[in-house]
Amino acid sequence: MRLLLDTHIWLWSLLEPARLTGRVARALEDEENELWLSPISVWELLILVEKGRLSLDMPVEQWTERATKAGALKEAPVTQEVALETRKVALPHRDPADRFIAATARVFKLTLVTADQHLLGLRGLATLANR
């Protein structure tokens, strides 16, 4: 399975693994699965750190490099096709990060791993629920 990690799933897997359900934890550990991360998640991490909502034990650039290598994550590119697909993402809010992450999953045919209720109910989006 090709799994795109929502930002919170990526961060929980590294910082708070007890927040992951057994099913999600097994999926992330399964070497048969490809794990993908959007650069939008790195952008969200930067915002969390800048706002003081998350603190890391090293500079964010170094932490991100280590975190992506340790998880053998593939980078899902932000392309024109992804940007155009964001217009088709029907969410009850205008969060650009959620729109880009959902659009990325659709364009690259990835299963989004998330606990976000809004994304779990989105039409045309394959998901693996953390609940």
N, C-alpha and C. Protein backbone atom coordinates (compact mmCIF):
# COMPACT_ATOMS: atom_id res chain seq x y z
N MET A 1 0.85 -1.17 0.00
CA MET A 1 0.00 0.00 0.00
C MET A 1 0.89 1.24 0.00
N ARG A 2 0.43 2.27 -0.67
CA ARG A 2 1.15 3.54 -0.75
C ARG A 2 0.44 4.53 0.17
N LEU A 3 1.09 4.89 1.27
CA LEU A 3 0.46 5.68 2.32
C LEU A 3 1.04 7.09 2.40
N LEU A 4 0.15 8.07 2.34
CA LEU A 4 0.54 9.47 2.56
C LEU A 4 0.20 9.80 4.00
N LEU A 5 1.19 10.22 4.76
CA LEU A 5 0.97 10.53 6.17
C LEU A 5 0.48 11.96 6.32
N ASP A 6 -0.66 12.11 6.97
CA ASP A 6 -1.12 13.45 7.32
C ASP A 6 -0.11 13.99 8.33
N THR A 7 -0.04 15.29 8.44
CA THR A 7 0.98 15.92 9.29
C THR A 7 0.96 15.38 10.71
N HIS A 8 -0.22 15.30 11.31
CA HIS A 8 -0.28 14.84 12.70
C HIS A 8 0.13 13.38 12.83
N ILE A 9 -0.17 12.56 11.86
CA ILE A 9 0.24 11.15 11.90
C ILE A 9 1.76 11.06 11.84
N TRP A 10 2.37 11.83 10.96
CA TRP A 10 3.83 11.86 10.85
C TRP A 10 4.45 12.25 12.19
N LEU A 11 3.94 13.34 12.76
CA LEU A 11 4.50 13.82 14.03
C LEU A 11 4.22 12.85 15.17
N TRP A 12 3.02 12.31 15.25
CA TRP A 12 2.70 11.34 16.31
C TRP A 12 3.60 10.10 16.19
N SER A 13 3.84 9.65 14.95
CA SER A 13 4.65 8.44 14.77
C SER A 13 6.06 8.61 15.34
N LEU A 14 6.53 9.84 15.37
CA LEU A 14 7.87 10.13 15.86
C LEU A 14 7.90 10.62 17.30
N LEU A 15 6.91 11.42 17.68
CA LEU A 15 6.94 12.08 18.99
C LEU A 15 5.97 11.51 20.01
N GLU A 16 4.87 10.94 19.54
CA GLU A 16 3.84 10.41 20.43
C GLU A 16 3.23 9.13 19.86
N PRO A 17 4.03 8.09 19.66
CA PRO A 17 3.53 6.89 18.98
C PRO A 17 2.35 6.22 19.70
N ALA A 18 2.16 6.48 20.96
CA ALA A 18 1.01 5.89 21.68
C ALA A 18 -0.31 6.44 21.15
N ARG A 19 -0.29 7.53 20.43
CA ARG A 19 -1.52 8.11 19.87
C ARG A 19 -1.98 7.38 18.61
N LEU A 20 -1.13 6.53 18.07
CA LEU A 20 -1.50 5.77 16.87
C LEU A 20 -2.25 4.51 17.27
N THR A 21 -3.26 4.16 16.49
CA THR A 21 -3.96 2.91 16.73
C THR A 21 -3.05 1.76 16.32
N GLY A 22 -3.35 0.58 16.80
CA GLY A 22 -2.55 -0.59 16.44
C GLY A 22 -2.53 -0.81 14.94
N ARG A 23 -3.67 -0.62 14.30
CA ARG A 23 -3.77 -0.83 12.85
C ARG A 23 -2.86 0.14 12.10
N VAL A 24 -2.87 1.41 12.49
CA VAL A 24 -2.03 2.40 11.82
C VAL A 24 -0.56 2.13 12.12
N ALA A 25 -0.23 1.85 13.36
CA ALA A 25 1.16 1.56 13.72
C ALA A 25 1.70 0.38 12.91
N ARG A 26 0.89 -0.66 12.76
CA ARG A 26 1.32 -1.83 11.97
C ARG A 26 1.52 -1.45 10.50
N ALA A 27 0.63 -0.63 9.98
CA ALA A 27 0.74 -0.21 8.58
C ALA A 27 2.02 0.60 8.35
N LEU A 28 2.36 1.45 9.31
CA LEU A 28 3.58 2.27 9.18
C LEU A 28 4.84 1.43 9.31
N GLU A 29 4.76 0.37 10.09
CA GLU A 29 5.92 -0.51 10.29
C GLU A 29 6.08 -1.56 9.20
N ASP A 30 5.03 -1.82 8.45
CA ASP A 30 5.04 -2.85 7.42
C ASP A 30 5.96 -2.42 6.27
N GLU A 31 7.03 -3.15 6.06
CA GLU A 31 8.01 -2.81 5.04
C GLU A 31 7.46 -2.94 3.62
N GLU A 32 6.32 -3.62 3.48
CA GLU A 32 5.68 -3.74 2.17
C GLU A 32 5.03 -2.41 1.75
N ASN A 33 4.73 -1.57 2.72
CA ASN A 33 4.07 -0.30 2.44
C ASN A 33 5.08 0.79 2.13
N GLU A 34 4.74 1.65 1.17
CA GLU A 34 5.53 2.84 0.88
C GLU A 34 4.96 3.98 1.72
N LEU A 35 5.82 4.72 2.39
CA LEU A 35 5.40 5.86 3.19
C LEU A 35 5.78 7.15 2.48
N TRP A 36 4.81 8.03 2.32
CA TRP A 36 4.98 9.29 1.62
C TRP A 36 4.69 10.45 2.54
N LEU A 37 5.35 11.58 2.28
CA LEU A 37 5.13 12.80 3.05
C LEU A 37 5.09 13.98 2.08
N SER A 38 4.14 14.86 2.31
CA SER A 38 4.04 16.08 1.50
C SER A 38 4.92 17.17 2.11
N PRO A 39 5.55 17.99 1.28
CA PRO A 39 6.28 19.15 1.81
C PRO A 39 5.36 20.08 2.60
N ILE A 40 4.07 20.00 2.36
CA ILE A 40 3.10 20.80 3.11
C ILE A 40 3.16 20.42 4.59
N SER A 41 3.43 19.16 4.89
CA SER A 41 3.55 18.73 6.29
C SER A 41 4.78 19.35 6.95
N VAL A 42 5.84 19.49 6.20
CA VAL A 42 7.04 20.16 6.74
C VAL A 42 6.72 21.63 7.00
N TRP A 43 5.98 22.25 6.09
CA TRP A 43 5.55 23.64 6.27
C TRP A 43 4.69 23.77 7.53
N GLU A 44 3.77 22.82 7.74
CA GLU A 44 2.94 22.86 8.95
C GLU A 44 3.80 22.69 10.21
N LEU A 45 4.81 21.82 10.14
CA LEU A 45 5.74 21.65 11.26
C LEU A 45 6.42 22.97 11.58
N LEU A 46 6.91 23.66 10.56
CA LEU A 46 7.57 24.96 10.77
C LEU A 46 6.64 25.94 11.48
N ILE A 47 5.40 25.97 11.08
CA ILE A 47 4.42 26.87 11.70
C ILE A 47 4.21 26.50 13.16
N LEU A 48 4.08 25.20 13.45
CA LEU A 48 3.89 24.76 14.84
C LEU A 48 5.07 25.17 15.71
N VAL A 49 6.27 25.01 15.19
CA VAL A 49 7.47 25.38 15.94
C VAL A 49 7.53 26.90 16.13
N GLU A 50 7.27 27.65 15.06
CA GLU A 50 7.32 29.11 15.14
C GLU A 50 6.30 29.66 16.14
N LYS A 51 5.13 29.02 16.22
CA LYS A 51 4.09 29.48 17.14
C LYS A 51 4.30 28.98 18.57
N GLY A 52 5.32 28.13 18.77
CA GLY A 52 5.60 27.60 20.09
C GLY A 52 4.65 26.48 20.50
N ARG A 53 3.93 25.91 19.56
CA ARG A 53 3.00 24.82 19.87
C ARG A 53 3.70 23.46 19.86
N LEU A 54 4.94 23.45 19.39
CA LEU A 54 5.74 22.24 19.36
C LEU A 54 7.19 22.64 19.54
N SER A 55 7.90 21.92 20.40
CA SER A 55 9.33 22.19 20.54
C SER A 55 10.11 20.92 20.20
N LEU A 56 11.22 21.13 19.55
CA LEU A 56 12.08 20.03 19.12
C LEU A 56 13.41 20.13 19.84
N ASP A 57 14.14 19.02 19.91
CA ASP A 57 15.41 19.00 20.62
C ASP A 57 16.60 19.42 19.75
N MET A 58 16.31 19.92 18.54
CA MET A 58 17.35 20.39 17.62
C MET A 58 16.69 21.35 16.63
N PRO A 59 17.46 22.07 15.86
CA PRO A 59 16.87 22.97 14.86
C PRO A 59 15.93 22.20 13.92
N VAL A 60 14.86 22.86 13.53
CA VAL A 60 13.81 22.20 12.75
C VAL A 60 14.34 21.61 11.44
N GLU A 61 15.30 22.27 10.81
CA GLU A 61 15.85 21.75 9.56
C GLU A 61 16.55 20.40 9.80
N GLN A 62 17.34 20.34 10.85
CA GLN A 62 18.06 19.11 11.18
C GLN A 62 17.08 18.02 11.60
N TRP A 63 16.08 18.39 12.41
CA TRP A 63 15.08 17.42 12.87
C TRP A 63 14.33 16.82 11.68
N THR A 64 13.95 17.68 10.75
CA THR A 64 13.19 17.22 9.58
C THR A 64 14.02 16.27 8.73
N GLU A 65 15.28 16.61 8.52
CA GLU A 65 16.15 15.75 7.72
C GLU A 65 16.28 14.36 8.37
N ARG A 66 16.51 14.33 9.67
CA ARG A 66 16.63 13.06 10.38
C ARG A 66 15.31 12.29 10.36
N ALA A 67 14.21 13.00 10.56
CA ALA A 67 12.90 12.34 10.63
C ALA A 67 12.51 11.73 9.29
N THR A 68 12.80 12.39 8.20
CA THR A 68 12.42 11.84 6.90
C THR A 68 13.33 10.68 6.50
N LYS A 69 14.60 10.76 6.85
CA LYS A 69 15.51 9.65 6.54
C LYS A 69 15.20 8.43 7.41
N ALA A 70 14.94 8.65 8.68
CA ALA A 70 14.67 7.54 9.61
C ALA A 70 13.42 6.77 9.20
N GLY A 71 12.44 7.48 8.68
CA GLY A 71 11.20 6.83 8.28
C GLY A 71 11.19 6.36 6.84
N ALA A 72 12.30 6.55 6.15
CA ALA A 72 12.41 6.19 4.73
C ALA A 72 11.20 6.73 3.96
N LEU A 73 10.91 8.00 4.18
CA LEU A 73 9.75 8.63 3.55
C LEU A 73 10.07 9.13 2.16
N LYS A 74 9.14 8.90 1.25
CA LYS A 74 9.25 9.45 -0.09
C LYS A 74 8.56 10.81 -0.10
N GLU A 75 9.14 11.74 -0.82
CA GLU A 75 8.56 13.07 -0.89
C GLU A 75 7.53 13.13 -2.02
N ALA A 76 6.32 13.51 -1.65
CA ALA A 76 5.26 13.69 -2.64
C ALA A 76 5.34 15.13 -3.15
N PRO A 77 5.63 15.32 -4.41
CA PRO A 77 5.84 16.67 -4.91
C PRO A 77 4.56 17.50 -4.96
N VAL A 78 4.75 18.80 -4.80
CA VAL A 78 3.66 19.74 -5.00
C VAL A 78 3.77 20.19 -6.45
N THR A 79 2.86 19.71 -7.26
CA THR A 79 2.89 19.97 -8.69
C THR A 79 1.73 20.88 -9.10
N GLN A 80 1.74 21.31 -10.35
CA GLN A 80 0.61 22.08 -10.87
C GLN A 80 -0.68 21.27 -10.79
N GLU A 81 -0.57 19.99 -11.10
CA GLU A 81 -1.75 19.12 -11.05
C GLU A 81 -2.31 19.06 -9.62
N VAL A 82 -1.44 18.97 -8.64
CA VAL A 82 -1.88 18.97 -7.24
C VAL A 82 -2.56 20.30 -6.92
N ALA A 83 -1.92 21.40 -7.31
CA ALA A 83 -2.50 22.72 -7.04
C ALA A 83 -3.89 22.85 -7.66
N LEU A 84 -4.06 22.40 -8.88
CA LEU A 84 -5.37 22.47 -9.53
C LEU A 84 -6.39 21.55 -8.85
N GLU A 85 -5.94 20.43 -8.38
CA GLU A 85 -6.84 19.48 -7.70
C GLU A 85 -7.38 20.05 -6.39
N THR A 86 -6.65 20.97 -5.76
CA THR A 86 -7.12 21.55 -4.50
C THR A 86 -8.49 22.22 -4.67
N ARG A 87 -8.78 22.70 -5.85
CA ARG A 87 -10.07 23.35 -6.11
C ARG A 87 -11.22 22.36 -6.05
N LYS A 88 -10.93 21.08 -6.20
CA LYS A 88 -11.96 20.04 -6.20
C LYS A 88 -12.14 19.41 -4.82
N VAL A 89 -11.35 19.83 -3.87
CA VAL A 89 -11.42 19.27 -2.51
C VAL A 89 -12.50 20.03 -1.74
N ALA A 90 -13.59 19.35 -1.48
CA ALA A 90 -14.75 19.97 -0.82
C ALA A 90 -14.69 19.74 0.69
N LEU A 91 -14.10 20.70 1.38
CA LEU A 91 -14.01 20.63 2.84
C LEU A 91 -14.86 21.73 3.45
N PRO A 92 -15.33 21.53 4.68
CA PRO A 92 -16.16 22.56 5.32
C PRO A 92 -15.34 23.76 5.82
N HIS A 93 -14.04 23.72 5.66
CA HIS A 93 -13.18 24.82 6.06
C HIS A 93 -12.21 25.12 4.92
N ARG A 94 -11.46 26.18 5.03
CA ARG A 94 -10.59 26.60 3.94
C ARG A 94 -9.11 26.37 4.25
N ASP A 95 -8.81 25.40 5.11
CA ASP A 95 -7.43 25.12 5.49
C ASP A 95 -6.63 24.70 4.25
N PRO A 96 -5.68 25.52 3.82
CA PRO A 96 -4.92 25.19 2.62
C PRO A 96 -4.08 23.92 2.77
N ALA A 97 -3.59 23.66 3.96
CA ALA A 97 -2.77 22.47 4.16
C ALA A 97 -3.60 21.20 3.92
N ASP A 98 -4.79 21.14 4.49
CA ASP A 98 -5.65 19.97 4.28
C ASP A 98 -6.00 19.81 2.80
N ARG A 99 -6.25 20.92 2.14
CA ARG A 99 -6.59 20.85 0.71
C ARG A 99 -5.41 20.29 -0.11
N PHE A 100 -4.21 20.76 0.18
CA PHE A 100 -3.04 20.27 -0.55
C PHE A 100 -2.76 18.80 -0.24
N ILE A 101 -2.88 18.41 1.01
CA ILE A 101 -2.61 17.02 1.38
C ILE A 101 -3.63 16.09 0.73
N ALA A 102 -4.90 16.45 0.78
CA ALA A 102 -5.94 15.63 0.14
C ALA A 102 -5.73 15.57 -1.37
N ALA A 103 -5.43 16.71 -1.98
CA ALA A 103 -5.19 16.74 -3.42
C ALA A 103 -3.98 15.89 -3.80
N THR A 104 -2.95 15.92 -2.99
CA THR A 104 -1.75 15.11 -3.24
C THR A 104 -2.11 13.62 -3.23
N ALA A 105 -2.89 13.22 -2.24
CA ALA A 105 -3.29 11.81 -2.16
C ALA A 105 -4.10 11.41 -3.40
N ARG A 106 -4.99 12.27 -3.83
CA ARG A 106 -5.80 11.95 -5.02
C ARG A 106 -4.94 11.86 -6.27
N VAL A 107 -4.10 12.86 -6.51
CA VAL A 107 -3.32 12.91 -7.74
C VAL A 107 -2.35 11.73 -7.85
N PHE A 108 -1.71 11.39 -6.75
CA PHE A 108 -0.71 10.31 -6.79
C PHE A 108 -1.26 8.96 -6.37
N LYS A 109 -2.59 8.90 -6.19
CA LYS A 109 -3.28 7.65 -5.83
C LYS A 109 -2.66 7.01 -4.58
N LEU A 110 -2.58 7.85 -3.54
CA LEU A 110 -2.05 7.42 -2.25
C LEU A 110 -3.21 7.30 -1.26
N THR A 111 -3.06 6.43 -0.29
CA THR A 111 -4.03 6.32 0.79
C THR A 111 -3.59 7.25 1.91
N LEU A 112 -4.46 8.17 2.28
CA LEU A 112 -4.13 9.14 3.32
C LEU A 112 -4.36 8.54 4.70
N VAL A 113 -3.33 8.56 5.52
CA VAL A 113 -3.43 8.10 6.90
C VAL A 113 -3.70 9.33 7.75
N THR A 114 -4.87 9.34 8.41
CA THR A 114 -5.28 10.53 9.14
C THR A 114 -6.27 10.20 10.25
N ALA A 115 -6.38 11.14 11.18
CA ALA A 115 -7.41 11.07 12.21
C ALA A 115 -8.40 12.22 12.03
N ASP A 116 -8.18 13.03 11.01
CA ASP A 116 -9.01 14.21 10.75
C ASP A 116 -10.36 13.79 10.19
N GLN A 117 -11.41 14.05 10.96
CA GLN A 117 -12.77 13.65 10.57
C GLN A 117 -13.17 14.26 9.23
N HIS A 118 -12.78 15.49 8.96
CA HIS A 118 -13.14 16.13 7.70
C HIS A 118 -12.52 15.40 6.51
N LEU A 119 -11.31 14.95 6.66
CA LEU A 119 -10.64 14.25 5.57
C LEU A 119 -11.13 12.81 5.44
N LEU A 120 -11.47 12.19 6.56
CA LEU A 120 -11.96 10.81 6.51
C LEU A 120 -13.28 10.70 5.76
N GLY A 121 -14.06 11.75 5.77
CA GLY A 121 -15.35 11.71 5.09
C GLY A 121 -15.33 12.27 3.68
N LEU A 122 -14.16 12.58 3.16
CA LEU A 122 -14.05 13.23 1.86
C LEU A 122 -14.26 12.25 0.71
N ARG A 123 -15.15 12.60 -0.18
CA ARG A 123 -15.45 11.76 -1.34
C ARG A 123 -14.24 11.68 -2.28
N GLY A 124 -13.98 10.48 -2.77
CA GLY A 124 -12.90 10.29 -3.74
C GLY A 124 -11.51 10.24 -3.13
N LEU A 125 -11.44 10.05 -1.83
CA LEU A 125 -10.14 10.01 -1.14
C LEU A 125 -10.01 8.69 -0.38
N ALA A 126 -9.02 7.89 -0.75
CA ALA A 126 -8.76 6.65 -0.01
C ALA A 126 -8.08 7.01 1.31
N THR A 127 -8.59 6.46 2.41
CA THR A 127 -8.04 6.79 3.73
C THR A 127 -7.82 5.56 4.57
N LEU A 128 -6.91 5.69 5.51
CA LEU A 128 -6.69 4.74 6.59
C LEU A 128 -6.89 5.54 7.86
N ALA A 129 -7.95 5.23 8.59
CA ALA A 129 -8.34 6.02 9.74
C ALA A 129 -7.55 5.64 10.99
N ASN A 130 -7.10 6.64 11.69
CA ASN A 130 -6.48 6.44 12.99
C ASN A 130 -7.57 6.71 14.03
N ARG A 131 -8.39 5.69 14.27
CA ARG A 131 -9.44 5.77 15.29
C ARG A 131 -9.83 4.40 15.75
